[in-house]
Amino acid sequence: MKHLVMAGSILLAAAPGEAIPTMADVPELARAAVARRMDVPPSAIHILSARPSERMPGFVVCGRVDGSRSDTDGSIAGDQRFFVVIPGDFAILDQDGKSLVDTYWSANHCE
C-alpha cells in the first residue's frame, strides 16, 4: 500500500492541473500565444508548420502574421514570422529579432 501511495503522489506531482496538449490542440494554442503578443484577428495568423519537437517535449509551430499591429507602440508592421513552443506560451516574433526567429526556424526545419 505504501508503494501505491508513493506512486500516486509522484503521478500527481508530474501532472499538475492541465491536460497535456495533443496535435489537434496545437494550432489553436499557437494562435492564442501569438494573439497575446499582437493585436491582430485570428484570420491574420497563419500556421505554416506544426510538429512534435525533436529537442524538447511538446510541439513547435512556425508561421506568419499578416500586416500585424505592434502591441508595444501600436504601429502597423509588415508580415512577421513567428515561432511558438507548445505547451506553454513561448512565442517569438520577427519584431523580437529577425536573427532569433531565423535561428529557431532553421533549428526546427521551418523553411
C-alpha atoms as a PDB file:
ATOM      1  CA  MET A   1       0.000   0.000   0.000  1.00  0.00           C
ATOM      2  CA  LYS A   2       2.883   2.354   0.812  1.00  0.00           C
ATOM      3  CA  HIS A   3       4.237   1.968  -2.751  1.00  0.00           C
ATOM      4  CA  LEU A   4       0.818   2.688  -4.243  1.00  0.00           C
ATOM      5  CA  VAL A   5       0.506   5.945  -2.279  1.00  0.00           C
ATOM      6  CA  MET A   6       4.034   6.915  -3.247  1.00  0.00           C
ATOM      7  CA  ALA A   7       3.360   6.188  -6.940  1.00  0.00           C
ATOM      8  CA  GLY A   8       0.140   8.215  -6.756  1.00  0.00           C
ATOM      9  CA  SER A   9       1.926  11.211  -5.272  1.00  0.00           C
ATOM     10  CA  ILE A  10       4.567  11.051  -7.994  1.00  0.00           C
ATOM     11  CA  LEU A  11       1.845  10.927 -10.635  1.00  0.00           C
ATOM     12  CA  LEU A  12       0.137  13.986  -9.143  1.00  0.00           C
ATOM     13  CA  ALA A  13       3.418  15.861  -8.987  1.00  0.00           C
ATOM     14  CA  ALA A  14       4.156  15.046 -12.609  1.00  0.00           C
ATOM     15  CA  ALA A  15       0.722  16.049 -13.917  1.00  0.00           C
ATOM     16  CA  PRO A  16      -0.458  19.207 -12.166  1.00  0.00           C
ATOM     17  CA  GLY A  17      -3.701  20.684 -13.485  1.00  0.00           C
ATOM     18  CA  GLU A  18      -3.979  20.902 -17.238  1.00  0.00           C
ATOM     19  CA  ALA A  19      -4.094  18.022 -19.685  1.00  0.00           C
ATOM     20  CA  ILE A  20      -1.125  17.574 -21.991  1.00  0.00           C
ATOM     21  CA  PRO A  21      -1.945  19.174 -25.356  1.00  0.00           C
ATOM     22  CA  THR A  22      -2.368  16.963 -28.403  1.00  0.00           C
ATOM     23  CA  MET A  23      -1.509  17.764 -32.002  1.00  0.00           C
ATOM     24  CA  ALA A  24      -5.163  18.687 -32.544  1.00  0.00           C
ATOM     25  CA  ASP A  25      -4.823  21.433 -29.885  1.00  0.00           C
ATOM     26  CA  VAL A  26      -1.607  22.907 -31.262  1.00  0.00           C
ATOM     27  CA  PRO A  27      -2.909  25.347 -33.946  1.00  0.00           C
ATOM     28  CA  GLU A  28      -5.392  26.995 -31.555  1.00  0.00           C
ATOM     29  CA  LEU A  29      -2.816  27.209 -28.757  1.00  0.00           C
ATOM     30  CA  ALA A  30      -0.219  28.703 -31.120  1.00  0.00           C
ATOM     31  CA  ARG A  31      -2.697  31.307 -32.408  1.00  0.00           C
ATOM     32  CA  ALA A  32      -3.557  32.225 -28.813  1.00  0.00           C
ATOM     33  CA  ALA A  33       0.150  32.638 -27.944  1.00  0.00           C
ATOM     34  CA  VAL A  34       0.705  34.945 -30.926  1.00  0.00           C
ATOM     35  CA  ALA A  35      -2.530  36.859 -30.273  1.00  0.00           C
ATOM     36  CA  ARG A  36      -1.338  37.590 -26.710  1.00  0.00           C
ATOM     37  CA  ARG A  37       1.627  39.385 -28.232  1.00  0.00           C
ATOM     38  CA  MET A  38      -0.101  41.157 -31.126  1.00  0.00           C
ATOM     39  CA  ASP A  39      -3.374  42.935 -31.802  1.00  0.00           C
ATOM     40  CA  VAL A  40      -4.463  41.005 -34.902  1.00  0.00           C
ATOM     41  CA  PRO A  41      -7.530  38.964 -35.801  1.00  0.00           C
ATOM     42  CA  PRO A  42      -7.106  35.161 -35.738  1.00  0.00           C
ATOM     43  CA  SER A  43      -7.548  35.118 -39.530  1.00  0.00           C
ATOM     44  CA  ALA A  44      -4.247  37.027 -39.852  1.00  0.00           C
ATOM     45  CA  ILE A  45      -2.300  34.255 -38.064  1.00  0.00           C
ATOM     46  CA  HIS A  46      -1.199  31.540 -40.476  1.00  0.00           C
ATOM     47  CA  ILE A  47       0.313  28.269 -39.286  1.00  0.00           C
ATOM     48  CA  LEU A  48       2.929  27.094 -41.797  1.00  0.00           C
ATOM     49  CA  SER A  49       4.301  24.141 -39.867  1.00  0.00           C
ATOM     50  CA  ALA A  50       3.349  22.351 -36.649  1.00  0.00           C
ATOM     51  CA  ARG A  51       5.085  19.197 -35.470  1.00  0.00           C
ATOM     52  CA  PRO A  52       6.383  17.371 -32.435  1.00  0.00           C
ATOM     53  CA  SER A  53       9.634  18.908 -31.255  1.00  0.00           C
ATOM     54  CA  GLU A  54      12.837  16.978 -31.866  1.00  0.00           C
ATOM     55  CA  ARG A  55      14.617  18.715 -28.977  1.00  0.00           C
ATOM     56  CA  MET A  56      12.099  19.010 -26.136  1.00  0.00           C
ATOM     57  CA  PRO A  57       8.758  17.618 -25.002  1.00  0.00           C
ATOM     58  CA  GLY A  58       5.845  19.150 -26.852  1.00  0.00           C
ATOM     59  CA  PHE A  59       5.390  20.798 -30.210  1.00  0.00           C
ATOM     60  CA  VAL A  60       6.905  23.581 -32.291  1.00  0.00           C
ATOM     61  CA  VAL A  61       4.930  25.846 -34.593  1.00  0.00           C
ATOM     62  CA  CYS A  62       6.134  28.194 -37.310  1.00  0.00           C
ATOM     63  CA  GLY A  63       4.012  30.702 -39.147  1.00  0.00           C
ATOM     64  CA  ARG A  64       3.345  34.215 -40.356  1.00  0.00           C
ATOM     65  CA  VAL A  65       1.163  37.091 -39.245  1.00  0.00           C
ATOM     66  CA  ASP A  66      -0.305  39.292 -41.994  1.00  0.00           C
ATOM     67  CA  GLY A  67       0.070  43.071 -41.639  1.00  0.00           C
ATOM     68  CA  SER A  68       0.492  42.918 -37.908  1.00  0.00           C
ATOM     69  CA  ARG A  69      -0.020  45.716 -35.368  1.00  0.00           C
ATOM     70  CA  SER A  70       2.604  46.010 -32.653  1.00  0.00           C
ATOM     71  CA  ASP A  71       1.301  45.841 -29.079  1.00  0.00           C
ATOM     72  CA  THR A  72       4.158  47.976 -27.807  1.00  0.00           C
ATOM     73  CA  ASP A  73       3.678  51.121 -29.901  1.00  0.00           C
ATOM     74  CA  GLY A  74       0.546  50.453 -32.000  1.00  0.00           C
ATOM     75  CA  SER A  75       2.402  50.780 -35.302  1.00  0.00           C
ATOM     76  CA  ILE A  76       1.499  48.626 -38.288  1.00  0.00           C
ATOM     77  CA  ALA A  77       4.288  46.326 -39.370  1.00  0.00           C
ATOM     78  CA  GLY A  78       4.582  44.168 -42.457  1.00  0.00           C
ATOM     79  CA  ASP A  79       4.193  40.421 -42.359  1.00  0.00           C
ATOM     80  CA  GLN A  80       6.020  38.863 -39.436  1.00  0.00           C
ATOM     81  CA  ARG A  81       7.224  35.341 -38.862  1.00  0.00           C
ATOM     82  CA  PHE A  82       6.676  33.650 -35.532  1.00  0.00           C
ATOM     83  CA  PHE A  83       7.823  30.596 -33.635  1.00  0.00           C
ATOM     84  CA  VAL A  84       5.813  29.041 -30.776  1.00  0.00           C
ATOM     85  CA  VAL A  85       6.568  26.238 -28.331  1.00  0.00           C
ATOM     86  CA  ILE A  86       3.597  24.197 -27.028  1.00  0.00           C
ATOM     87  CA  PRO A  87       2.924  23.520 -24.146  1.00  0.00           C
ATOM     88  CA  GLY A  88       3.436  26.973 -22.790  1.00  0.00           C
ATOM     89  CA  ASP A  89       3.039  30.285 -24.494  1.00  0.00           C
ATOM     90  CA  PHE A  90       6.581  30.936 -25.612  1.00  0.00           C
ATOM     91  CA  ALA A  91       6.136  32.907 -28.843  1.00  0.00           C
ATOM     92  CA  ILE A  92       8.849  34.887 -30.583  1.00  0.00           C
ATOM     93  CA  LEU A  93       8.248  37.242 -33.486  1.00  0.00           C
ATOM     94  CA  ASP A  94      10.383  38.985 -36.077  1.00  0.00           C
ATOM     95  CA  GLN A  95       9.899  42.169 -34.022  1.00  0.00           C
ATOM     96  CA  ASP A  96      11.856  40.424 -31.231  1.00  0.00           C
ATOM     97  CA  GLY A  97      14.783  39.988 -33.590  1.00  0.00           C
ATOM     98  CA  LYS A  98      14.828  38.535 -37.081  1.00  0.00           C
ATOM     99  CA  SER A  99      18.035  36.629 -36.371  1.00  0.00           C
ATOM    100  CA  LEU A 100      16.410  34.990 -33.336  1.00  0.00           C
ATOM    101  CA  VAL A 101      13.470  33.805 -35.451  1.00  0.00           C
ATOM    102  CA  ASP A 102      15.945  32.709 -38.156  1.00  0.00           C
ATOM    103  CA  THR A 103      17.731  30.561 -35.566  1.00  0.00           C
ATOM    104  CA  TYR A 104      14.552  28.854 -34.327  1.00  0.00           C
ATOM    105  CA  TRP A 105      13.175  28.379 -37.839  1.00  0.00           C
ATOM    106  CA  SER A 106      16.449  26.843 -39.016  1.00  0.00           C
ATOM    107  CA  ALA A 107      16.852  24.578 -35.977  1.00  0.00           C
ATOM    108  CA  ASN A 108      13.264  23.302 -36.356  1.00  0.00           C
ATOM    109  CA  HIS A 109      13.176  22.918 -40.157  1.00  0.00           C
ATOM    110  CA  CYS A 110      10.528  25.607 -40.683  1.00  0.00           C
ATOM    111  CA  GLU A 111      11.729  26.909 -44.028  1.00  0.00           C
END
